Amino acid sequence: MTFYPNDRIALFIDGANLYSAAKSLGFDIDYKKLLAEFRTRGLLTRAYYYTALVENEDYSPIRPLVDWLDYNGYSLVTKTAREYTDSQGRKRWRGDMDVEIAVDMMEIAPHVDHVVLFSGDGDFRKLVETVQSKGVRVTVVSTVKSQPPMASDDLRRQADSFVDLQDLATIIGRPARPHLPRFIQGETPAPAEREADAEA
């Protein structure tokens, strides 16, 4: 990953995708370390964090993380997860943030030199190509070292550089916390399962 001291950098973190990738590699993300690391690599303009939230819960394990991020340098983008019933009659949740990520990345592209996308979702390939056409370098952070790999081949090929999350484990990671409660299973992981607790 090549950065220059005067690079204006923006981070785009797909919360559910990053959590799943880190979990598959056996560690949790330390968001304080993540922010500190990228502040050393250039002029950090924004660090966006995207997640869906389940409304009307008495307690949501993701809420402490969201609150901590909001007060500690991250720009939070949230929306309400939609509940639906699958063909077996089980409750599931959807909370896709792709459109929000795409809109925000396109809006900030004229004001930055380098975008770091924390997601392996192949749906972002065209977005990355379009941002690159505006002169912005794009680094994708995900993993191919999990089973199955979390990073789309198309997205990896399109990016200016690809960083395997495993290679950042000692820099932005901490040991996984096995006590995270299992929650409602969904098409995408439910918010309670998706992200680790924040470290104050």
Foldseek 3Di string as FASTA:
>chain_A
DDADAAFAEEEAEAQLQLLVQQVLVFWAFAVVLVVVVVVRRYRHDAYEYEDEAAPPDPDFLCVQVQVVCVVRGHDYDYYHWDWDADPVRAIATDGDCVVVSLVVLVVCLVPGAEYEYAFQDPVCLVSLQVSVVSNHAYEYEGAPPGVNGRHDPSNCVSHPHYDYVVVCCVRGTDGDDPPQDQDGHHPGGHSSPRHDRHDD
